[in-house]
Amino acid sequence: MASPSSRVVRAEAEKAARQTLAARAALVGELAAAAHEVEQIEGQLEKARDTHTDVYQRAIDGGWTAADLSTLGYDSPDPPSGSRRPARRGTAPRAGTGSATATPAGTEPPSTPLD
């Protein structure tokens, strides 16, 4: 059997290299898409945090206390520090931890006495 020519050997080596590079290039493409998605979601999260902070402050300005809101499961928004604790949305306070003057959700905030 005749040995392959150097041209054939070279073509086969280049083909194998292109296949390897194509697979690696596809991985870089996937990485770029994933990084872009993270950037997009981080931007949305930043906007949501800003909205949360604004609405929380409006609730405080509207007469709710931080303790009332916390009892309802809405803790004060943390300053952007990278270590956030998730809010307890939609959960009832644990037994023995709620305020005796807690207001049920959907009712008016407690009134403050006028002196």
N, C-alpha and C. Protein backbone atom coordinates (compact mmCIF):
# COMPACT_ATOMS: atom_id res chain seq x y z
N MET A 1 0.84 -1.16 0.00
CA MET A 1 0.00 0.00 0.00
C MET A 1 0.89 1.23 0.00
N ALA A 2 0.53 2.20 -0.79
CA ALA A 2 1.34 3.41 -0.93
C ALA A 2 1.05 4.34 0.22
N SER A 3 2.07 5.04 0.68
CA SER A 3 1.88 5.97 1.78
C SER A 3 1.25 7.25 1.24
N PRO A 4 0.48 7.93 2.11
CA PRO A 4 -0.18 9.17 1.65
C PRO A 4 0.87 10.25 1.37
N SER A 5 0.53 11.12 0.48
CA SER A 5 1.44 12.22 0.14
C SER A 5 1.44 13.24 1.28
N SER A 6 2.46 14.05 1.29
CA SER A 6 2.55 15.07 2.33
C SER A 6 1.38 16.07 2.23
N ARG A 7 0.88 16.24 1.03
CA ARG A 7 -0.27 17.12 0.82
C ARG A 7 -1.51 16.55 1.52
N VAL A 8 -1.74 15.26 1.43
CA VAL A 8 -2.89 14.60 2.07
C VAL A 8 -2.73 14.64 3.59
N VAL A 9 -1.53 14.35 4.06
CA VAL A 9 -1.26 14.37 5.50
C VAL A 9 -1.53 15.78 6.05
N ARG A 10 -1.04 16.76 5.32
CA ARG A 10 -1.23 18.14 5.75
C ARG A 10 -2.72 18.49 5.76
N ALA A 11 -3.46 18.13 4.75
CA ALA A 11 -4.90 18.42 4.66
C ALA A 11 -5.66 17.77 5.81
N GLU A 12 -5.32 16.53 6.14
CA GLU A 12 -5.98 15.83 7.25
C GLU A 12 -5.67 16.50 8.59
N ALA A 13 -4.45 16.93 8.78
CA ALA A 13 -4.05 17.60 10.02
C ALA A 13 -4.77 18.95 10.15
N GLU A 14 -4.87 19.67 9.07
CA GLU A 14 -5.56 20.96 9.09
C GLU A 14 -7.05 20.77 9.36
N LYS A 15 -7.63 19.73 8.77
CA LYS A 15 -9.05 19.44 9.00
C LYS A 15 -9.30 19.13 10.47
N ALA A 16 -8.45 18.30 11.07
CA ALA A 16 -8.58 17.96 12.48
C ALA A 16 -8.43 19.21 13.35
N ALA A 17 -7.49 20.08 13.01
CA ALA A 17 -7.28 21.31 13.78
C ALA A 17 -8.48 22.23 13.67
N ARG A 18 -9.04 22.35 12.45
CA ARG A 18 -10.23 23.20 12.27
C ARG A 18 -11.40 22.69 13.08
N GLN A 19 -11.60 21.38 13.13
CA GLN A 19 -12.69 20.80 13.91
C GLN A 19 -12.51 21.11 15.40
N THR A 20 -11.29 20.97 15.87
CA THR A 20 -11.00 21.27 17.28
C THR A 20 -11.24 22.75 17.58
N LEU A 21 -10.75 23.61 16.68
CA LEU A 21 -10.93 25.04 16.87
C LEU A 21 -12.41 25.44 16.78
N ALA A 22 -13.15 24.80 15.89
CA ALA A 22 -14.58 25.11 15.76
C ALA A 22 -15.32 24.77 17.05
N ALA A 23 -15.01 23.63 17.65
CA ALA A 23 -15.65 23.25 18.90
C ALA A 23 -15.29 24.24 20.01
N ARG A 24 -14.04 24.63 20.06
CA ARG A 24 -13.60 25.59 21.08
C ARG A 24 -14.20 26.96 20.83
N ALA A 25 -14.31 27.36 19.56
CA ALA A 25 -14.90 28.65 19.23
C ALA A 25 -16.38 28.67 19.62
N ALA A 26 -17.07 27.55 19.42
CA ALA A 26 -18.47 27.46 19.81
C ALA A 26 -18.62 27.65 21.32
N LEU A 27 -17.68 27.12 22.10
CA LEU A 27 -17.72 27.29 23.55
C LEU A 27 -17.55 28.76 23.93
N VAL A 28 -16.67 29.46 23.24
CA VAL A 28 -16.48 30.88 23.51
C VAL A 28 -17.75 31.64 23.15
N GLY A 29 -18.41 31.24 22.07
CA GLY A 29 -19.68 31.87 21.70
C GLY A 29 -20.74 31.67 22.77
N GLU A 30 -20.83 30.46 23.31
CA GLU A 30 -21.79 30.18 24.38
C GLU A 30 -21.45 31.01 25.62
N LEU A 31 -20.16 31.11 25.92
CA LEU A 31 -19.71 31.90 27.07
C LEU A 31 -20.09 33.37 26.90
N ALA A 32 -19.90 33.90 25.71
CA ALA A 32 -20.25 35.30 25.45
C ALA A 32 -21.75 35.52 25.62
N ALA A 33 -22.57 34.60 25.12
CA ALA A 33 -24.02 34.73 25.26
C ALA A 33 -24.44 34.67 26.74
N ALA A 34 -23.84 33.76 27.51
CA ALA A 34 -24.17 33.65 28.92
C ALA A 34 -23.75 34.90 29.69
N ALA A 35 -22.58 35.44 29.39
CA ALA A 35 -22.10 36.65 30.05
C ALA A 35 -23.03 37.83 29.72
N HIS A 36 -23.47 37.90 28.49
CA HIS A 36 -24.39 38.96 28.08
C HIS A 36 -25.71 38.84 28.84
N GLU A 37 -26.21 37.63 28.98
CA GLU A 37 -27.46 37.40 29.71
C GLU A 37 -27.31 37.84 31.17
N VAL A 38 -26.19 37.53 31.80
CA VAL A 38 -25.95 37.96 33.18
C VAL A 38 -25.96 39.48 33.27
N GLU A 39 -25.30 40.15 32.34
CA GLU A 39 -25.28 41.62 32.34
C GLU A 39 -26.69 42.19 32.22
N GLN A 40 -27.50 41.59 31.35
CA GLN A 40 -28.87 42.06 31.17
C GLN A 40 -29.68 41.88 32.45
N ILE A 41 -29.56 40.72 33.06
CA ILE A 41 -30.33 40.43 34.27
C ILE A 41 -29.85 41.29 35.43
N GLU A 42 -28.55 41.53 35.54
CA GLU A 42 -28.03 42.40 36.59
C GLU A 42 -28.58 43.81 36.44
N GLY A 43 -28.72 44.28 35.22
CA GLY A 43 -29.32 45.60 34.98
C GLY A 43 -30.77 45.63 35.41
N GLN A 44 -31.52 44.56 35.10
CA GLN A 44 -32.92 44.48 35.52
C GLN A 44 -33.02 44.42 37.04
N LEU A 45 -32.11 43.66 37.66
CA LEU A 45 -32.11 43.54 39.12
C LEU A 45 -31.82 44.89 39.77
N GLU A 46 -30.89 45.64 39.22
CA GLU A 46 -30.57 46.96 39.77
C GLU A 46 -31.80 47.87 39.70
N LYS A 47 -32.51 47.85 38.57
CA LYS A 47 -33.73 48.65 38.45
C LYS A 47 -34.78 48.21 39.45
N ALA A 48 -34.94 46.89 39.62
CA ALA A 48 -35.92 46.37 40.57
C ALA A 48 -35.56 46.77 42.00
N ARG A 49 -34.29 46.73 42.33
CA ARG A 49 -33.86 47.15 43.67
C ARG A 49 -34.14 48.64 43.89
N ASP A 50 -33.88 49.46 42.89
CA ASP A 50 -34.18 50.88 43.00
C ASP A 50 -35.67 51.11 43.22
N THR A 51 -36.50 50.40 42.47
CA THR A 51 -37.95 50.51 42.62
C THR A 51 -38.36 50.06 44.02
N HIS A 52 -37.81 48.95 44.49
CA HIS A 52 -38.12 48.44 45.83
C HIS A 52 -37.78 49.48 46.88
N THR A 53 -36.62 50.09 46.77
CA THR A 53 -36.20 51.11 47.73
C THR A 53 -37.15 52.30 47.71
N ASP A 54 -37.52 52.75 46.51
CA ASP A 54 -38.41 53.90 46.37
C ASP A 54 -39.80 53.59 46.96
N VAL A 55 -40.34 52.44 46.64
CA VAL A 55 -41.68 52.08 47.12
C VAL A 55 -41.67 51.86 48.63
N TYR A 56 -40.60 51.25 49.14
CA TYR A 56 -40.48 51.05 50.59
C TYR A 56 -40.49 52.42 51.29
N GLN A 57 -39.74 53.36 50.77
CA GLN A 57 -39.70 54.69 51.38
C GLN A 57 -41.06 55.37 51.30
N ARG A 58 -41.79 55.18 50.20
CA ARG A 58 -43.13 55.74 50.09
C ARG A 58 -44.06 55.14 51.13
N ALA A 59 -43.89 53.83 51.41
CA ALA A 59 -44.70 53.19 52.45
C ALA A 59 -44.38 53.80 53.82
N ILE A 60 -43.11 54.02 54.10
CA ILE A 60 -42.71 54.66 55.37
C ILE A 60 -43.29 56.07 55.43
N ASP A 61 -43.14 56.83 54.35
CA ASP A 61 -43.68 58.19 54.30
C ASP A 61 -45.20 58.20 54.42
N GLY A 62 -45.84 57.11 54.00
CA GLY A 62 -47.30 57.00 54.06
C GLY A 62 -47.82 56.55 55.41
N GLY A 63 -46.94 56.36 56.39
CA GLY A 63 -47.40 56.05 57.73
C GLY A 63 -47.05 54.67 58.25
N TRP A 64 -46.54 53.81 57.43
CA TRP A 64 -46.13 52.49 57.90
C TRP A 64 -44.80 52.61 58.65
N THR A 65 -44.61 51.80 59.65
CA THR A 65 -43.32 51.77 60.33
C THR A 65 -42.51 50.62 59.77
N ALA A 66 -41.20 50.69 59.97
CA ALA A 66 -40.34 49.60 59.53
C ALA A 66 -40.73 48.30 60.22
N ALA A 67 -41.12 48.39 61.50
CA ALA A 67 -41.54 47.19 62.24
C ALA A 67 -42.81 46.60 61.64
N ASP A 68 -43.79 47.47 61.29
CA ASP A 68 -45.02 46.98 60.66
C ASP A 68 -44.72 46.25 59.36
N LEU A 69 -43.89 46.87 58.53
CA LEU A 69 -43.57 46.27 57.24
C LEU A 69 -42.79 44.98 57.43
N SER A 70 -41.90 44.94 58.39
CA SER A 70 -41.13 43.72 58.66
C SER A 70 -42.06 42.60 59.11
N THR A 71 -43.04 42.92 59.94
CA THR A 71 -44.01 41.92 60.39
C THR A 71 -44.78 41.34 59.21
N LEU A 72 -45.02 42.17 58.22
CA LEU A 72 -45.73 41.71 57.02
C LEU A 72 -44.81 40.98 56.04
N GLY A 73 -43.50 40.95 56.36
CA GLY A 73 -42.57 40.23 55.51
C GLY A 73 -41.77 41.10 54.58
N TYR A 74 -41.82 42.42 54.79
CA TYR A 74 -41.12 43.34 53.90
C TYR A 74 -40.06 44.10 54.70
N ASP A 75 -38.87 43.56 54.74
CA ASP A 75 -37.78 44.21 55.44
C ASP A 75 -37.25 45.38 54.63
N SER A 76 -36.58 46.27 55.32
CA SER A 76 -35.97 47.42 54.67
C SER A 76 -34.98 46.96 53.61
N PRO A 77 -35.01 47.59 52.43
CA PRO A 77 -34.04 47.22 51.40
C PRO A 77 -32.63 47.46 51.91
N ASP A 78 -31.77 46.52 51.66
CA ASP A 78 -30.38 46.67 52.06
C ASP A 78 -29.68 47.60 51.10
N PRO A 79 -28.70 48.34 51.59
CA PRO A 79 -27.90 49.12 50.64
C PRO A 79 -27.13 48.18 49.74
N PRO A 80 -26.82 48.58 48.52
CA PRO A 80 -26.11 47.68 47.61
C PRO A 80 -24.75 47.29 48.18
N SER A 81 -24.66 46.06 48.66
CA SER A 81 -23.40 45.61 49.24
C SER A 81 -22.98 44.28 48.67
N GLY A 82 -23.83 43.68 47.87
CA GLY A 82 -23.50 42.38 47.30
C GLY A 82 -23.97 41.22 48.15
N SER A 83 -24.28 41.47 49.42
CA SER A 83 -24.77 40.38 50.27
C SER A 83 -26.16 40.73 50.74
N ARG A 84 -27.15 40.29 49.99
CA ARG A 84 -28.54 40.60 50.29
C ARG A 84 -29.24 39.39 50.87
N ARG A 85 -30.12 39.67 51.79
CA ARG A 85 -30.95 38.64 52.37
C ARG A 85 -32.30 38.71 51.69
N PRO A 86 -32.84 37.60 51.18
CA PRO A 86 -34.12 37.66 50.48
C PRO A 86 -35.26 38.02 51.43
N ALA A 87 -36.22 38.78 50.93
CA ALA A 87 -37.39 39.14 51.72
C ALA A 87 -38.28 37.93 51.90
N ARG A 88 -39.05 37.95 52.98
CA ARG A 88 -39.96 36.83 53.27
C ARG A 88 -41.33 37.15 52.69
N ARG A 89 -41.45 37.22 51.43
CA ARG A 89 -42.72 37.58 50.79
C ARG A 89 -43.72 36.43 50.88
N GLY A 90 -44.94 36.82 51.20
CA GLY A 90 -46.02 35.85 51.18
C GLY A 90 -45.98 34.82 52.30
N THR A 91 -45.19 35.06 53.32
CA THR A 91 -45.15 34.12 54.43
C THR A 91 -45.67 34.79 55.67
N ALA A 92 -46.33 34.04 56.51
CA ALA A 92 -46.83 34.56 57.77
C ALA A 92 -45.69 34.63 58.77
N PRO A 93 -45.75 35.58 59.70
CA PRO A 93 -44.72 35.63 60.73
C PRO A 93 -44.73 34.36 61.56
N ARG A 94 -43.56 33.97 62.04
CA ARG A 94 -43.48 32.79 62.88
C ARG A 94 -44.16 33.06 64.21
N ALA A 95 -44.70 32.02 64.82
CA ALA A 95 -45.39 32.15 66.10
C ALA A 95 -44.47 32.79 67.12
N GLY A 96 -45.00 33.78 67.83
CA GLY A 96 -44.23 34.43 68.87
C GLY A 96 -43.30 35.52 68.38
N THR A 97 -43.25 35.76 67.06
CA THR A 97 -42.34 36.80 66.56
C THR A 97 -43.08 38.02 66.04
N GLY A 98 -44.41 37.93 65.89
CA GLY A 98 -45.17 39.04 65.33
C GLY A 98 -45.45 40.09 66.38
N SER A 99 -45.79 41.28 65.93
CA SER A 99 -46.13 42.38 66.80
C SER A 99 -47.56 42.22 67.28
N ALA A 100 -47.81 42.60 68.50
CA ALA A 100 -49.17 42.52 69.04
C ALA A 100 -50.08 43.51 68.34
N THR A 101 -49.53 44.53 67.70
CA THR A 101 -50.32 45.52 67.00
C THR A 101 -50.21 45.37 65.50
N ALA A 102 -49.84 44.20 65.04
CA ALA A 102 -49.68 43.98 63.60
C ALA A 102 -50.99 44.22 62.89
N THR A 103 -50.91 44.80 61.71
CA THR A 103 -52.07 45.08 60.89
C THR A 103 -52.16 44.04 59.80
N PRO A 104 -53.33 43.41 59.60
CA PRO A 104 -53.45 42.43 58.51
C PRO A 104 -53.19 43.09 57.17
N ALA A 105 -52.66 42.31 56.25
CA ALA A 105 -52.38 42.81 54.90
C ALA A 105 -53.66 43.30 54.26
N GLY A 106 -53.57 44.41 53.53
CA GLY A 106 -54.72 44.93 52.80
C GLY A 106 -55.54 45.91 53.61
N THR A 107 -55.16 46.23 54.85
CA THR A 107 -55.89 47.20 55.64
C THR A 107 -55.10 48.48 55.75
N GLU A 108 -55.73 49.50 56.32
CA GLU A 108 -55.06 50.78 56.46
C GLU A 108 -53.92 50.68 57.46
N PRO A 109 -52.89 51.51 57.31
CA PRO A 109 -51.81 51.50 58.27
C PRO A 109 -52.30 51.99 59.62
N PRO A 110 -51.62 51.58 60.70
CA PRO A 110 -52.06 52.03 62.01
C PRO A 110 -51.94 53.54 62.12
N SER A 111 -52.91 54.14 62.83
CA SER A 111 -52.87 55.59 62.98
C SER A 111 -51.98 55.95 64.16
N THR A 112 -51.43 57.12 64.09
CA THR A 112 -50.59 57.59 65.19
C THR A 112 -51.39 58.59 65.99
N PRO A 113 -51.30 58.53 67.32
CA PRO A 113 -52.09 59.47 68.13
C PRO A 113 -51.59 60.91 67.92
N LEU A 114 -52.54 61.82 67.94
CA LEU A 114 -52.21 63.23 67.80
C LEU A 114 -52.08 63.81 69.20
N ASP A 115 -50.97 64.38 69.52
CA ASP A 115 -50.74 64.97 70.85
C ASP A 115 -50.90 66.46 70.80
